[in-house]
């Protein structure tokens, strides 16, 4: 299906690929992994021919006639319905349907209808609706104009379009960034059943373990492929590193033995020939090099200076929303204790972000009580805060503003270094930082307050797998409470021991774990009975439609 041969490519002076090669067969589901900045997205663009390779334009070869599909950008806001946008993504069907309305030649009309039957064109609306609803749209949404949806929902429509068109080679770059846990679970099942070839760039470890058949790693400017998911690749990499270490130890022992013979007998005429032979053996011996693992800077959340007695925070009969006519959650009664680790689940648009904003006092209650001691400090992170960084100011400027005025420059730089910013990087303006670097800066600034509660709303969208692992360690070491909204199942399972469910205008504790909830979602999608836990059945109610494009409602989770 796809052949990559001796690919060389650089961006300005920085090489991304040097002699990289890989072969992908038809039907493979390939997870493309590597640290941020190594060139994963660039490789997808090279495959799509969005960028030209002046070094070797024939290094990437695709099967003749194969159709490529990818999500280029979000669907434009227009009066076209969501369903029609997805149907138009199948360009062949759309062209044939248009031609069928105007064709006059009986032979051509027959050809058109034969081809429409071959591609199952008459079931297209049902198939498009199935994809859209799997990604979170409701039946009543399908006829709504795309301008009524926020950018995140229009991106879902773009994903639905490329899935519906069923290309021979499907390229997906971090698709779960736009999906909630429910949408990600549906996508995983869809990709498992997809009959064509898929290359997916993702930092979602569970997705890479569950739905790919092969893992392609981009490391040290080279490509390597192994069967299995991400964890299988980790085991293989560890085994290869251990083998190289063993081979290098043996080589060093052989080298020392040969050198000792040379040093001992070089001056003796009777042994000179043998010594010279061993010198040549030493010269021919190639060094076994072990690639140096790139270090991931750890995250750190210092313990709060004083401990608070439980309950640390309560919502009592609270109504949450954005003012009259925009009530989102009603009669919320939840309690947060100092050692709670809670993941908040529920489909996008239900009000997860509304809930955490109300807890963090970034959104006033419409009714009810928020009870908390005056001493409680809350650290709040959301993707929206990236827009709050001051353009034109450096990393060091932001750290300086968060510290007392008499803090020395050396201390400021030390704090920035602990966040993961090198001596040179601290002078970088924030608008030049990558998404992952902005996340690190915001989390670092938040931790300087030594909060009692960490509220993290989708903290991992711009983090690679190694950084997500570092975040897990830091959260598990934190001596306070954690409230987490995330589509990353691995992160949630590794850090949370309780779930809150936001659904149908209410927020309640969920009696079960993430696997129970995931099974509930998938079975509800298939119309099956909910699973039982401790003899009690869980029921899934229909979700309301995503919120219309009102200024405040666009901000909902």
Protein backbone atom coordinates (compact mmCIF):
# COMPACT_ATOMS: atom_id res chain seq x y z
CA UNK A 1 0.00 0.00 0.00
CA UNK A 2 2.68 2.52 1.04
CA UNK A 3 6.45 2.35 0.59
CA UNK A 4 8.88 4.83 2.18
CA UNK A 5 12.46 4.41 0.93
CA UNK A 6 15.52 6.30 2.18
CA UNK A 7 13.54 9.41 3.04
CA UNK A 8 15.64 12.49 3.77
CA UNK A 9 13.92 15.69 4.77
CA UNK A 10 14.81 18.76 6.77
CA UNK A 11 13.01 21.87 7.91
CA UNK A 12 15.40 24.78 7.45
CA UNK A 13 18.63 23.52 9.05
CA UNK A 14 17.02 20.84 11.24
CA UNK A 15 16.93 17.29 9.81
CA UNK A 16 13.73 15.36 10.53
CA UNK A 17 14.43 12.22 8.46
CA UNK A 18 17.72 10.68 7.40
CA UNK A 19 17.49 7.50 5.32
CA UNK A 20 14.13 6.62 6.86
CA UNK A 21 12.39 3.57 5.35
CA UNK A 22 9.18 1.66 6.06
CA UNK A 23 6.67 -0.52 4.25
CA UNK A 24 2.95 -0.62 5.10
CA UNK A 25 0.69 -3.30 3.66
CA UNK A 26 -2.99 -2.99 2.77
CA UNK A 27 -5.35 -3.37 5.69
CA UNK A 28 -2.82 -2.48 8.38
CA UNK A 29 -3.87 -0.13 11.15
CA UNK A 30 -0.64 1.68 11.98
CA UNK A 31 -0.06 3.88 15.03
CA UNK A 32 2.65 6.47 14.31
CA UNK A 33 4.41 7.36 17.57
CA UNK A 34 7.26 9.62 18.55
CA UNK A 35 7.97 12.61 20.74
CA UNK A 36 6.55 16.02 19.91
CA UNK A 37 8.62 17.81 17.29
CA UNK A 38 10.16 14.70 15.72
CA UNK A 39 8.16 15.07 12.49
CA UNK A 40 5.08 12.83 12.72
CA UNK A 41 2.69 15.41 11.28
CA UNK A 42 5.29 16.36 8.69
CA UNK A 43 5.43 12.73 7.53
CA UNK A 44 1.65 12.73 7.01
CA UNK A 45 1.97 15.95 5.00
CA UNK A 46 4.70 14.38 2.86
CA UNK A 47 2.46 11.37 2.19
CA UNK A 48 -0.36 13.74 1.22
CA UNK A 49 2.10 15.77 -0.91
CA UNK A 50 1.15 18.93 0.97
CA UNK A 51 4.88 19.65 1.14
CA UNK A 52 7.48 18.81 -1.48
CA UNK A 53 10.70 16.94 -0.77
CA UNK A 54 13.48 18.49 -2.85
CA UNK A 55 15.96 15.80 -1.76
CA UNK A 56 14.05 12.81 -3.14
CA UNK A 57 10.53 13.31 -4.43
CA UNK A 58 10.12 9.57 -5.09
CA UNK A 59 10.98 8.42 -1.58
CA UNK A 60 7.28 7.92 -0.80
CA UNK A 61 5.24 5.72 -3.14
CA UNK A 62 1.55 4.88 -2.85
CA UNK A 63 -0.29 2.16 -4.73
CA UNK A 64 -1.56 3.39 -8.09
CA UNK A 65 -5.16 4.57 -7.91
CA UNK A 66 -5.32 4.46 -4.11
CA UNK A 67 -7.54 7.14 -2.57
CA UNK A 68 -6.15 9.20 0.30
CA UNK A 69 -8.31 10.66 3.03
CA UNK A 70 -7.48 13.03 5.85
CA UNK A 71 -9.00 15.77 8.00
CA UNK A 72 -7.64 18.96 6.51
CA UNK A 73 -9.50 21.51 8.67
CA UNK A 74 -12.81 22.07 10.38
CA UNK A 75 -15.96 22.28 8.29
CA UNK A 76 -16.78 25.87 7.29
CA UNK A 77 -19.67 27.62 9.00
CA UNK A 78 -22.44 27.76 6.41
CA UNK A 79 -26.12 27.07 5.80
CA UNK A 80 -25.31 23.54 4.56
CA UNK A 81 -26.60 20.84 6.88
CA UNK A 82 -24.19 18.61 8.76
CA UNK A 83 -25.52 15.54 6.95
CA UNK A 84 -25.05 17.11 3.51
CA UNK A 85 -21.48 18.12 4.38
CA UNK A 86 -20.64 14.52 5.25
CA UNK A 87 -22.37 13.13 2.16
CA UNK A 88 -20.38 15.53 -0.03
CA UNK A 89 -17.14 14.06 1.35
CA UNK A 90 -17.70 11.02 -0.89
CA UNK A 91 -16.76 12.91 -4.04
CA UNK A 92 -17.46 10.04 -6.44
CA UNK A 93 -20.99 9.53 -5.15
CA UNK A 94 -21.69 13.28 -5.13
CA UNK A 95 -20.46 13.64 -8.71
CA UNK A 96 -22.48 10.66 -9.94
CA UNK A 97 -25.64 11.86 -8.21
CA UNK A 98 -25.22 15.30 -9.79
CA UNK A 99 -24.57 13.81 -13.22
CA UNK A 100 -27.59 11.50 -12.91
CA UNK A 101 -29.83 14.57 -12.74
CA UNK A 102 -28.49 15.98 -16.02
CA UNK A 103 -27.38 12.98 -18.12
CA UNK A 104 -29.41 12.28 -21.29
CA UNK A 105 -27.47 9.47 -22.96
CA UNK A 106 -29.20 6.16 -22.05
CA UNK A 107 -25.88 4.28 -21.99
CA UNK A 108 -24.30 6.82 -19.64
CA UNK A 109 -27.37 6.81 -17.41
CA UNK A 110 -27.11 3.03 -17.15
CA UNK A 111 -23.41 3.27 -16.31
CA UNK A 112 -24.09 5.87 -13.62
CA UNK A 113 -26.79 3.82 -11.91
CA UNK A 114 -24.72 0.65 -12.10
CA UNK A 115 -21.84 2.42 -10.40
CA UNK A 116 -24.18 3.92 -7.78
CA UNK A 117 -25.36 0.43 -6.94
CA UNK A 118 -21.76 -0.82 -6.76
CA UNK A 119 -20.78 1.83 -4.22
CA UNK A 120 -24.00 1.33 -2.22
CA UNK A 121 -24.97 4.94 -2.84
CA UNK A 122 -28.60 4.52 -1.77
CA UNK A 123 -27.64 3.63 1.82
CA UNK A 124 -25.30 6.62 2.05
CA UNK A 125 -27.57 8.77 4.20
CA UNK A 126 -28.00 5.99 6.76
CA UNK A 127 -24.24 5.33 6.84
CA UNK A 128 -23.41 9.03 7.18
CA UNK A 129 -25.95 9.39 9.99
CA UNK A 130 -24.42 6.40 11.78
CA UNK A 131 -20.95 7.97 11.68
CA UNK A 132 -22.21 11.38 12.82
CA UNK A 133 -24.19 9.93 15.69
CA UNK A 134 -21.26 7.77 16.72
CA UNK A 135 -19.20 10.96 17.07
CA UNK A 136 -21.80 12.55 19.33
CA UNK A 137 -24.35 14.21 17.05
CA UNK A 138 -28.03 13.53 17.67
CA UNK A 139 -30.61 12.68 15.04
CA UNK A 140 -32.15 16.12 15.25
CA UNK A 141 -28.72 17.72 14.64
CA UNK A 142 -28.27 16.18 11.20
CA UNK A 143 -30.48 18.72 9.46
CA UNK A 144 -29.03 21.72 11.30
CA UNK A 145 -26.72 24.13 9.46
CA UNK A 146 -23.03 23.87 10.27
CA UNK A 147 -22.98 27.55 11.33
CA UNK A 148 -25.07 26.56 14.37
CA UNK A 149 -22.18 24.52 15.79
CA UNK A 150 -18.98 25.57 17.51
CA UNK A 151 -15.58 24.92 15.95
CA UNK A 152 -15.10 21.72 17.94
CA UNK A 153 -18.34 20.23 16.63
CA UNK A 154 -17.53 21.31 13.07
CA UNK A 155 -14.22 19.48 13.43
CA UNK A 156 -16.17 16.39 14.43
CA UNK A 157 -18.18 16.81 11.25
CA UNK A 158 -14.92 16.94 9.28
CA UNK A 159 -13.80 13.68 10.93
CA UNK A 160 -17.18 12.15 10.11
CA UNK A 161 -16.76 13.18 6.47
CA UNK A 162 -13.40 11.50 6.00
CA UNK A 163 -14.58 8.34 7.78
CA UNK A 164 -17.71 8.19 5.63
CA UNK A 165 -15.72 8.53 2.39
CA UNK A 166 -13.77 5.35 3.31
CA UNK A 167 -10.46 6.09 1.52
CA UNK A 168 -7.96 3.34 0.77
CA UNK A 169 -5.43 5.07 3.05
CA UNK A 170 -6.88 7.01 5.96
CA UNK A 171 -4.56 9.50 7.70
CA UNK A 172 -5.62 10.75 11.14
CA UNK A 173 -3.61 13.26 13.16
CA UNK A 174 -4.67 13.34 16.83
CA UNK A 175 -8.39 12.81 16.10
CA UNK A 176 -9.30 12.27 19.77
CA UNK A 177 -8.28 15.85 20.60
CA UNK A 178 -11.76 16.82 19.41
CA UNK A 179 -13.64 13.94 21.02
CA UNK A 180 -14.87 13.09 24.49
CA UNK A 181 -14.46 9.62 26.04
CA UNK A 182 -17.66 8.48 24.35
CA UNK A 183 -16.61 9.66 20.89
CA UNK A 184 -13.13 8.20 21.32
CA UNK A 185 -14.61 4.83 22.32
CA UNK A 186 -16.82 4.84 19.21
CA UNK A 187 -13.90 5.82 16.95
CA UNK A 188 -11.83 2.99 18.38
CA UNK A 189 -14.51 0.47 17.50
CA UNK A 190 -14.95 1.97 14.02
CA UNK A 191 -11.24 1.77 13.24
CA UNK A 192 -11.09 -1.85 14.37
CA UNK A 193 -13.72 -2.73 11.76
CA UNK A 194 -12.33 -0.45 9.03
CA UNK A 195 -11.37 -2.62 6.06
CA UNK A 196 -8.75 -0.32 4.53
CA UNK A 197 -5.37 1.00 5.69
CA UNK A 198 -5.06 3.54 8.50
CA UNK A 199 -2.13 5.61 9.78
CA UNK A 200 -3.02 7.38 13.01
CA UNK A 201 -0.90 9.83 14.97
CA UNK A 202 -2.07 9.76 18.55
CA UNK A 203 -0.78 10.22 22.08
CA UNK A 204 -3.74 8.25 23.45
CA UNK A 205 -2.04 5.14 24.77
CA UNK A 206 -5.23 3.09 25.16
CA UNK A 207 -6.35 3.87 21.61
CA UNK A 208 -2.94 2.78 20.29
CA UNK A 209 -3.12 -0.45 22.27
CA UNK A 210 -6.67 -1.36 21.33
CA UNK A 211 -7.17 -0.59 17.65
CA UNK A 212 -3.84 -0.71 15.78
CA UNK A 213 -2.25 -3.80 14.25
CA UNK A 214 1.24 -2.27 13.94
CA UNK A 215 3.23 0.53 15.55
CA UNK A 216 5.56 2.71 13.47
CA UNK A 217 8.05 4.62 15.61
CA UNK A 218 9.86 7.78 14.55
CA UNK A 219 13.06 7.98 16.59
CA UNK A 220 16.47 9.43 15.86
CA UNK A 221 15.24 10.46 12.38
CA UNK A 222 14.53 6.81 11.45
CA UNK A 223 11.34 4.78 11.06
CA UNK A 224 10.76 1.29 12.45
CA UNK A 225 7.66 -0.90 12.39
CA UNK A 226 6.67 -3.74 14.70
CA UNK A 227 3.46 -5.76 15.08
CA UNK A 228 1.12 -4.87 17.91
CA UNK A 229 0.17 -1.79 19.86
CA UNK A 230 2.13 0.80 21.79
CA UNK A 231 2.91 -1.39 24.78
CA UNK A 232 4.16 -4.15 22.45
CA UNK A 233 6.50 -1.63 20.85
CA UNK A 234 7.77 -0.49 24.27
CA UNK A 235 8.61 -4.09 25.19
CA UNK A 236 10.41 -4.64 21.87
CA UNK A 237 12.38 -1.40 22.24
CA UNK A 238 13.41 -2.36 25.77
CA UNK A 239 14.49 -5.81 24.56
CA UNK A 240 16.54 -4.30 21.72
CA UNK A 241 18.20 -1.86 24.11
CA UNK A 242 19.08 -4.72 26.48
CA UNK A 243 20.48 -6.73 23.58
CA UNK A 244 22.59 -3.80 22.40
CA UNK A 245 23.86 -3.27 25.93
CA UNK A 246 24.85 -6.95 26.15
CA UNK A 247 26.57 -6.82 22.76
CA UNK A 248 28.43 -3.66 23.69
CA UNK A 249 29.62 -5.19 26.99
CA UNK A 250 30.91 -8.25 25.10
CA UNK A 251 32.61 -6.01 22.52
CA UNK A 252 34.32 -3.99 25.24
CA UNK A 253 35.59 -7.22 26.83
CA UNK A 254 36.91 -8.43 23.44
CA UNK A 255 38.51 -5.05 22.78
CA UNK A 256 40.24 -5.07 26.16
CA UNK A 257 41.52 -8.62 25.58
CA UNK A 258 42.95 -7.77 22.13
CA UNK A 259 44.50 -4.53 23.37
CA UNK A 260 46.15 -6.33 26.28
CA UNK A 261 47.77 -8.82 23.86
CA UNK A 262 49.01 -5.98 21.63
CA UNK A 263 50.43 -4.03 24.57
CA UNK A 264 52.19 -7.12 25.88
CA UNK A 265 53.73 -8.59 22.74
CA UNK A 266 54.11 -5.70 20.27
CA UNK A 267 57.79 -5.30 21.14
CA UNK A 268 58.60 -9.01 20.81
CA UNK A 269 59.79 -10.04 17.36
CA UNK A 270 58.35 -13.55 17.71
CA UNK A 271 54.87 -12.15 18.46
CA UNK A 272 54.97 -9.04 16.24
CA UNK A 273 52.93 -10.59 13.41
CA UNK A 274 50.24 -11.80 15.83
CA UNK A 275 50.17 -8.41 17.56
CA UNK A 276 49.81 -6.62 14.22
CA UNK A 277 46.95 -8.95 13.28
CA UNK A 278 45.13 -8.00 16.48
CA UNK A 279 45.74 -4.29 15.79
CA UNK A 280 43.93 -4.73 12.47
CA UNK A 281 41.11 -6.56 14.25
CA UNK A 282 40.77 -3.61 16.62
CA UNK A 283 40.69 -1.18 13.70
CA UNK A 284 37.96 -3.15 11.92
CA UNK A 285 35.84 -3.44 15.04
CA UNK A 286 32.79 -1.15 14.68
CA UNK A 287 31.51 0.53 17.80
CA UNK A 288 28.09 -0.62 18.99
CA UNK A 289 26.20 2.54 19.84
CA UNK A 290 23.10 2.66 22.00
CA UNK A 291 20.74 5.54 21.16
CA UNK A 292 20.47 7.92 24.07
CA UNK A 293 16.94 8.06 25.41
CA UNK A 294 15.55 11.58 25.36
CA UNK A 295 14.83 12.86 28.83
CA UNK A 296 11.37 14.08 29.72
CA UNK A 297 11.30 16.93 32.23
CA UNK A 298 9.07 15.91 35.13
CA UNK A 299 6.07 17.91 36.30
CA UNK A 300 5.89 18.94 39.92
CA UNK A 301 2.96 20.02 42.08
CA UNK A 302 4.20 21.08 45.54
CA UNK A 303 2.13 20.08 48.56
CA UNK A 304 -0.08 22.83 50.04
CA UNK A 305 1.48 24.56 53.00
CA UNK A 306 -1.46 23.82 55.32
CA UNK A 307 -3.82 20.85 55.44
CA UNK A 308 -7.58 21.41 55.46
CA UNK A 309 -10.14 19.23 57.21
CA UNK A 310 -12.81 17.47 55.16
CA UNK A 311 -15.08 18.41 53.55
CA UNK A 312 -12.83 20.84 51.72
CA UNK A 313 -15.52 22.04 49.34
CA UNK A 314 -19.23 21.38 48.80
CA UNK A 315 -21.92 22.35 46.31
CA UNK A 316 -25.33 22.27 47.98
CA UNK A 317 -28.46 22.40 45.81
CA UNK A 318 -26.50 24.39 43.25
CA UNK A 319 -27.82 25.60 39.90
CA UNK A 320 -25.06 26.24 37.39
CA UNK A 321 -25.10 28.11 34.11
CA UNK A 322 -24.62 31.38 32.30
CA UNK A 323 -27.59 33.41 33.42
CA UNK A 324 -31.33 33.46 32.81
CA UNK A 325 -32.30 31.09 30.04
CA UNK A 326 -28.95 29.32 30.09
CA UNK A 327 -29.25 26.91 33.02
CA UNK A 328 -26.88 23.98 32.41
CA UNK A 329 -26.88 21.89 35.63
CA UNK A 330 -29.48 21.87 38.37
CA UNK A 331 -29.64 20.65 41.98
CA UNK A 332 -25.97 19.73 42.16
CA UNK A 333 -24.91 18.21 45.50
CA UNK A 334 -21.26 17.17 45.47
CA UNK A 335 -18.49 17.06 48.05
CA UNK A 336 -14.73 17.26 47.62
CA UNK A 337 -12.33 15.98 50.30
CA UNK A 338 -8.57 16.70 50.57
CA UNK A 339 -7.47 13.33 49.20
CA UNK A 340 -10.09 12.87 46.44
CA UNK A 341 -8.98 11.91 42.92
CA UNK A 342 -11.98 12.38 40.65
CA UNK A 343 -12.43 12.08 36.88
CA UNK A 344 -15.49 13.84 35.46
CA UNK A 345 -17.17 11.98 32.59
CA UNK A 346 -20.03 12.80 30.23
CA UNK A 347 -20.44 13.68 26.58
CA UNK A 348 -19.27 17.03 25.23
CA UNK A 349 -21.87 19.74 25.70
CA UNK A 350 -23.31 18.32 28.93
CA UNK A 351 -21.59 20.85 31.22
CA UNK A 352 -18.37 19.34 32.59
CA UNK A 353 -16.50 22.61 32.14
CA UNK A 354 -19.43 24.54 33.62
CA UNK A 355 -19.16 22.35 36.72
CA UNK A 356 -15.43 22.85 37.29
CA UNK A 357 -15.62 26.58 36.55
CA UNK A 358 -18.30 26.89 39.22
CA UNK A 359 -16.19 24.92 41.70
CA UNK A 360 -13.19 27.15 40.93
CA UNK A 361 -15.34 30.30 41.32
CA UNK A 362 -14.71 31.31 37.74
CA UNK A 363 -18.45 31.17 37.21
CA UNK A 364 -20.95 32.37 39.86
CA UNK A 365 -23.70 30.03 41.02
CA UNK A 366 -27.18 30.81 39.77
CA UNK A 367 -28.65 29.31 42.93
CA UNK A 368 -27.63 27.17 45.90
CA UNK A 369 -24.44 27.25 47.97
CA UNK A 370 -20.73 26.74 47.48
CA UNK A 371 -19.24 25.97 50.88
CA UNK A 372 -15.46 26.12 51.31
CA UNK A 373 -13.00 27.52 53.87
CA UNK A 374 -11.44 30.88 53.00
CA UNK A 375 -7.97 29.30 53.09
CA UNK A 376 -8.64 26.87 50.24
CA UNK A 377 -6.56 27.53 47.12
CA UNK A 378 -7.60 26.09 43.78
CA UNK A 379 -5.31 25.64 40.80
CA UNK A 380 -7.28 25.72 37.55
CA UNK A 381 -6.08 24.72 34.08
CA UNK A 382 -8.01 24.66 30.83
CA UNK A 383 -7.13 24.88 27.15
CA UNK A 384 -8.80 28.32 27.07
CA UNK A 385 -6.03 29.68 29.30
CA UNK A 386 -3.54 29.42 26.44
CA UNK A 387 -5.19 32.53 25.07
CA UNK A 388 -4.52 34.28 28.39
CA UNK A 389 -0.74 34.12 27.94
CA UNK A 390 0.55 37.55 26.97
CA UNK A 391 1.82 37.66 23.36
CA UNK A 392 5.19 39.32 23.00
CA UNK A 393 6.28 38.38 26.53
CA UNK A 394 8.79 35.61 27.22
CA UNK A 395 8.57 32.58 29.47
CA UNK A 396 10.77 34.40 31.98
CA UNK A 397 8.43 37.43 31.92
CA UNK A 398 5.47 35.22 32.89
CA UNK A 399 7.44 33.59 35.71
CA UNK A 400 8.60 37.01 36.94
CA UNK A 401 5.02 38.34 37.09
CA UNK A 402 4.00 35.38 39.28
CA UNK A 403 6.76 36.00 41.86
CA UNK A 404 7.34 38.72 44.45
CA UNK A 405 9.06 41.77 42.98
CA UNK A 406 12.26 41.26 44.99
CA UNK A 407 12.86 37.72 43.60
CA UNK A 408 16.32 37.49 42.04
CA UNK A 409 16.78 36.74 38.34
CA UNK A 410 18.71 33.59 39.26
CA UNK A 411 15.70 32.35 41.26
CA UNK A 412 13.33 33.20 38.40
CA UNK A 413 15.47 31.22 35.97
CA UNK A 414 15.70 28.29 38.38
CA UNK A 415 11.90 28.09 38.63
CA UNK A 416 11.56 28.27 34.83
CA UNK A 417 14.17 25.50 34.47
CA UNK A 418 12.20 23.30 36.89
CA UNK A 419 9.19 23.73 34.57
CA UNK A 420 11.28 22.35 31.70
CA UNK A 421 12.59 25.51 30.02
CA UNK A 422 16.29 25.64 29.24
CA UNK A 423 18.53 28.70 29.57
CA UNK A 424 17.82 29.65 25.95
CA UNK A 425 14.12 28.74 25.99
CA UNK A 426 13.21 31.06 28.86
CA UNK A 427 13.86 34.00 26.54
CA UNK A 428 11.41 32.65 23.94
CA UNK A 429 8.21 34.63 23.45
CA UNK A 430 5.13 32.64 24.40
CA UNK A 431 3.54 33.01 20.96
CA UNK A 432 6.49 31.01 19.58
CA UNK A 433 6.06 28.11 22.03
CA UNK A 434 4.56 24.79 20.97
CA UNK A 435 1.25 23.66 22.43
CA UNK A 436 3.02 21.27 24.80
CA UNK A 437 5.37 24.02 26.01
CA UNK A 438 2.41 26.32 26.71
CA UNK A 439 0.78 23.57 28.76
CA UNK A 440 4.01 23.16 30.75
CA UNK A 441 4.19 26.90 31.40
CA UNK A 442 0.56 27.16 32.53
CA UNK A 443 0.82 24.10 34.80
CA UNK A 444 4.06 25.44 36.24
CA UNK A 445 2.58 28.87 36.95
CA UNK A 446 -0.45 27.23 38.55
CA UNK A 447 1.69 25.05 40.83
CA UNK A 448 3.56 28.09 42.18
CA UNK A 449 0.46 28.92 44.25
CA UNK A 450 0.71 25.53 46.05
CA UNK A 451 -3.04 24.85 45.67
CA UNK A 452 -5.10 22.43 47.74
CA UNK A 453 -7.08 21.37 44.65
CA UNK A 454 -5.91 20.85 41.08
CA UNK A 455 -8.64 21.23 38.46
CA UNK A 456 -7.38 20.09 35.06
CA UNK A 457 -9.68 20.46 32.05
CA UNK A 458 -8.18 18.48 29.13
CA UNK A 459 -4.51 19.01 30.11
CA UNK A 460 -3.05 16.44 27.71
CA UNK A 461 -4.21 17.52 24.23
CA UNK A 462 -0.77 18.92 23.37
CA UNK A 463 1.39 16.49 25.39
CA UNK A 464 3.20 13.49 23.95
CA UNK A 465 3.00 10.08 25.61
CA UNK A 466 6.16 10.52 27.68
CA UNK A 467 4.94 13.88 29.00
CA UNK A 468 1.57 12.34 29.82
CA UNK A 469 3.39 9.65 31.79
CA UNK A 470 5.30 12.36 33.67
CA UNK A 471 2.01 14.12 34.44
CA UNK A 472 0.59 10.89 35.87
CA UNK A 473 3.55 10.54 38.25
CA UNK A 474 3.20 14.16 39.37
CA UNK A 475 -0.55 13.88 40.01
CA UNK A 476 -0.11 10.67 41.98
CA UNK A 477 2.58 12.35 44.12
CA UNK A 478 0.47 15.46 44.74
CA UNK A 479 -0.68 15.85 48.36
CA UNK A 480 -4.06 17.34 47.56
CA UNK A 481 -7.31 16.78 45.66
CA UNK A 482 -7.55 16.38 41.88
CA UNK A 483 -10.52 17.03 39.58
CA UNK A 484 -9.83 15.85 36.04
CA UNK A 485 -11.66 16.23 32.73
CA UNK A 486 -9.88 14.22 30.04
CA UNK A 487 -10.48 12.04 26.97
CA UNK A 488 -7.29 10.10 27.81
CA UNK A 489 -8.52 6.87 29.40
CA UNK A 490 -4.99 5.84 30.44
CA UNK A 491 -4.46 9.09 32.34
CA UNK A 492 -7.85 8.90 34.04
CA UNK A 493 -7.44 5.25 35.05
CA UNK A 494 -3.94 5.88 36.40
CA UNK A 495 -4.89 8.87 38.57
CA UNK A 496 -8.60 8.80 39.49
CA UNK A 497 -10.38 6.53 41.95
CA UNK A 498 -13.83 8.13 41.69
CA UNK A 499 -16.07 9.27 38.84
CA UNK A 500 -18.57 12.11 38.61
CA UNK A 501 -21.09 11.81 35.78
CA UNK A 502 -22.46 14.94 34.11
CA UNK A 503 -25.56 14.06 32.15
CA UNK A 504 -29.02 15.37 31.31
CA UNK A 505 -28.68 18.52 33.41
CA UNK A 506 -27.35 16.81 36.52
CA UNK A 507 -23.95 16.03 38.06
CA UNK A 508 -23.74 13.03 40.37
CA UNK A 509 -21.28 10.44 41.64
CA UNK A 510 -21.04 7.41 39.34
CA UNK A 511 -21.06 3.99 40.97
CA UNK A 512 -18.48 2.20 38.83
CA UNK A 513 -15.10 2.58 37.20
CA UNK A 514 -14.05 3.76 33.75
CA UNK A 515 -14.32 0.30 32.24
CA UNK A 516 -17.92 0.08 33.47
CA UNK A 517 -18.65 3.51 32.02
CA UNK A 518 -16.98 2.69 28.71
CA UNK A 519 -19.00 -0.53 28.43
CA UNK A 520 -22.15 1.44 29.24
CA UNK A 521 -21.42 3.91 26.45
CA UNK A 522 -20.66 1.26 23.85
CA UNK A 523 -23.69 -0.84 24.73
CA UNK A 524 -25.97 2.18 24.71
CA UNK A 525 -24.62 2.99 21.24
CA UNK A 526 -25.55 -0.54 20.11
CA UNK A 527 -28.92 -0.37 21.86
CA UNK A 528 -28.04 -3.22 24.25
CA UNK A 529 -28.96 -3.59 27.89
CA UNK A 530 -26.66 -1.83 30.32
CA UNK A 531 -24.21 -3.96 32.29
CA UNK A 532 -24.95 -4.82 35.87
CA UNK A 533 -22.68 -4.13 38.84
CA UNK A 534 -23.43 -5.61 42.26
CA UNK A 535 -26.78 -6.71 40.90
CA UNK A 536 -27.91 -3.22 39.91
CA UNK A 537 -28.44 -2.26 36.28
CA UNK A 538 -27.07 1.00 34.98
CA UNK A 539 -29.26 2.80 32.49
CA UNK A 540 -28.22 5.17 29.74
CA UNK A 541 -30.53 7.99 28.78
CA UNK A 542 -30.48 9.82 25.46
CA UNK A 543 -28.18 12.84 25.40
CA UNK A 544 -29.44 16.27 24.36
CA UNK A 545 -28.06 17.94 21.25
CA UNK A 546 -24.81 19.89 21.40
CA UNK A 547 -25.34 23.53 22.25
CA UNK A 548 -26.13 26.04 19.54
CA UNK A 549 -23.44 28.54 18.68
CA UNK A 550 -24.17 31.09 21.40
CA UNK A 551 -21.20 32.97 22.75
CA UNK A 552 -21.21 31.51 26.24
CA UNK A 553 -22.60 28.10 25.37
CA UNK A 554 -19.72 27.44 22.96
CA UNK A 555 -17.48 27.20 26.00
CA UNK A 556 -19.25 24.13 27.37
CA UNK A 557 -17.29 20.93 27.70
